[in-house]
Amino acid sequence: MSATLRLGSDDAVYLLVGRRRYRVAPGDLRLLLVQGRAVPVMGEGGVIVGHAAVNAAGRAVKVFTVSGHFIVPLVSFRRVATGEARSAPLFPLVPEGRS
């Protein structure tokens, strides 16, 4: 399943997972990227369907949704959120102890 991160025209970051689309609101991006706080990931109709958080090492953003769990380097997430990059791939996150 392909997953991509993109910046929307409303300054929100969108996660495109297969045919599903999730959103991290512009106000939540600051909390995530500057303060390192976990933020909600919204689905259709503004329903919370997961969350995004910076990992313990501070080098990646982990995204947990009903469609799966993903990871993206923090620098890539930041570049998409600031408009420096058009998109970035989300990589599937395999829980520890599983392969």
Protein backbone atom coordinates (compact mmCIF):
# COMPACT_ATOMS: atom_id res chain seq x y z
CA MET A 1 0.00 0.00 0.00
CA SER A 2 1.47 3.35 -0.99
CA ALA A 3 1.32 6.25 1.43
CA THR A 4 2.30 9.85 0.77
CA LEU A 5 2.48 13.08 2.73
CA ARG A 6 1.39 16.31 0.99
CA LEU A 7 0.70 19.93 1.86
CA GLY A 8 -2.81 21.11 1.05
CA SER A 9 -3.90 24.53 -0.18
CA ASP A 10 -5.33 25.14 3.32
CA ASP A 11 -1.83 24.68 4.88
CA ALA A 12 -2.86 21.37 6.44
CA VAL A 13 -0.71 18.29 5.88
CA TYR A 14 -2.55 15.44 4.18
CA LEU A 15 -1.68 11.77 4.43
CA LEU A 16 -2.78 9.83 1.37
CA VAL A 17 -2.98 6.14 2.25
CA GLY A 18 -4.30 4.06 -0.62
CA ARG A 19 -7.66 5.68 -1.42
CA ARG A 20 -8.04 7.22 2.03
CA ARG A 21 -7.12 10.77 2.96
CA TYR A 22 -6.22 11.97 6.45
CA ARG A 23 -5.43 15.45 7.69
CA VAL A 24 -3.24 17.13 10.30
CA ALA A 25 -4.62 20.63 10.92
CA PRO A 26 -2.34 23.67 10.46
CA GLY A 27 -2.66 24.62 14.15
CA ASP A 28 -1.58 21.15 15.20
CA LEU A 29 1.53 21.24 12.99
CA ARG A 30 3.17 23.80 15.27
CA LEU A 31 2.45 21.67 18.33
CA LEU A 32 3.97 18.65 16.59
CA LEU A 33 7.04 20.25 15.00
CA VAL A 34 7.99 22.88 17.58
CA GLN A 35 6.78 21.46 20.89
CA GLY A 36 7.02 17.77 19.99
CA ARG A 37 3.49 17.05 21.21
CA ALA A 38 1.27 14.30 19.80
CA VAL A 39 -1.51 15.66 17.59
CA PRO A 40 -4.72 14.17 16.21
CA VAL A 41 -5.01 12.84 12.68
CA MET A 42 -8.46 13.55 11.24
CA GLY A 43 -10.46 11.52 8.76
CA GLU A 44 -13.63 12.27 6.83
CA GLY A 45 -15.93 14.73 8.58
CA GLY A 46 -13.32 15.79 11.13
CA VAL A 47 -13.39 12.51 13.03
CA ILE A 48 -10.18 11.65 14.89
CA VAL A 49 -8.84 8.42 13.38
CA GLY A 50 -5.34 8.38 14.84
CA HIS A 51 -2.43 10.51 15.95
CA ALA A 52 1.01 11.69 14.91
CA ALA A 53 3.99 12.13 17.22
CA VAL A 54 7.72 12.74 17.06
CA ASN A 55 9.65 9.61 18.06
CA ALA A 56 11.77 9.48 21.22
CA ALA A 57 15.00 10.19 19.32
CA GLY A 58 13.46 13.28 17.73
CA ARG A 59 14.38 12.23 14.20
CA ALA A 60 11.12 10.93 12.79
CA VAL A 61 7.36 11.36 12.94
CA LYS A 62 5.29 8.27 13.63
CA VAL A 63 1.74 8.30 12.31
CA PHE A 64 -0.86 5.89 13.62
CA THR A 65 -4.16 5.60 11.74
CA VAL A 66 -6.93 3.07 11.29
CA SER A 67 -5.35 2.24 7.90
CA GLY A 68 -1.95 1.42 9.37
CA HIS A 69 1.12 2.76 11.11
CA PHE A 70 3.75 4.79 9.28
CA ILE A 71 7.00 6.63 9.84
CA VAL A 72 8.60 9.54 7.99
CA PRO A 73 11.90 11.34 8.71
CA LEU A 74 11.28 14.54 10.68
CA VAL A 75 13.23 16.59 8.14
CA SER A 76 10.97 15.33 5.32
CA PHE A 77 7.81 16.02 7.32
CA ARG A 78 9.06 19.55 8.13
CA ARG A 79 9.92 20.26 4.47
CA VAL A 80 6.44 19.24 3.34
CA ALA A 81 4.77 21.22 6.16
CA THR A 82 6.70 24.39 5.26
CA GLY A 83 6.18 23.99 1.51
CA GLU A 84 9.84 23.29 0.69
CA ALA A 85 8.90 19.88 -0.74
CA ARG A 86 5.75 18.88 -2.60
CA SER A 87 5.48 15.44 -1.03
CA ALA A 88 7.27 12.76 0.95
CA PRO A 89 6.75 9.00 1.20
CA LEU A 90 5.41 7.44 4.37
CA PHE A 91 7.09 4.15 5.23
CA PRO A 92 5.18 1.29 6.87
CA LEU A 93 6.04 0.96 10.54
CA VAL A 94 6.48 -2.60 11.76
CA PRO A 95 5.93 -3.01 15.52
CA GLU A 96 9.01 -4.05 17.51
CA GLY A 97 9.47 -7.79 17.74
CA ARG A 98 7.74 -8.44 14.41
CA SER A 99 9.29 -8.87 11.01
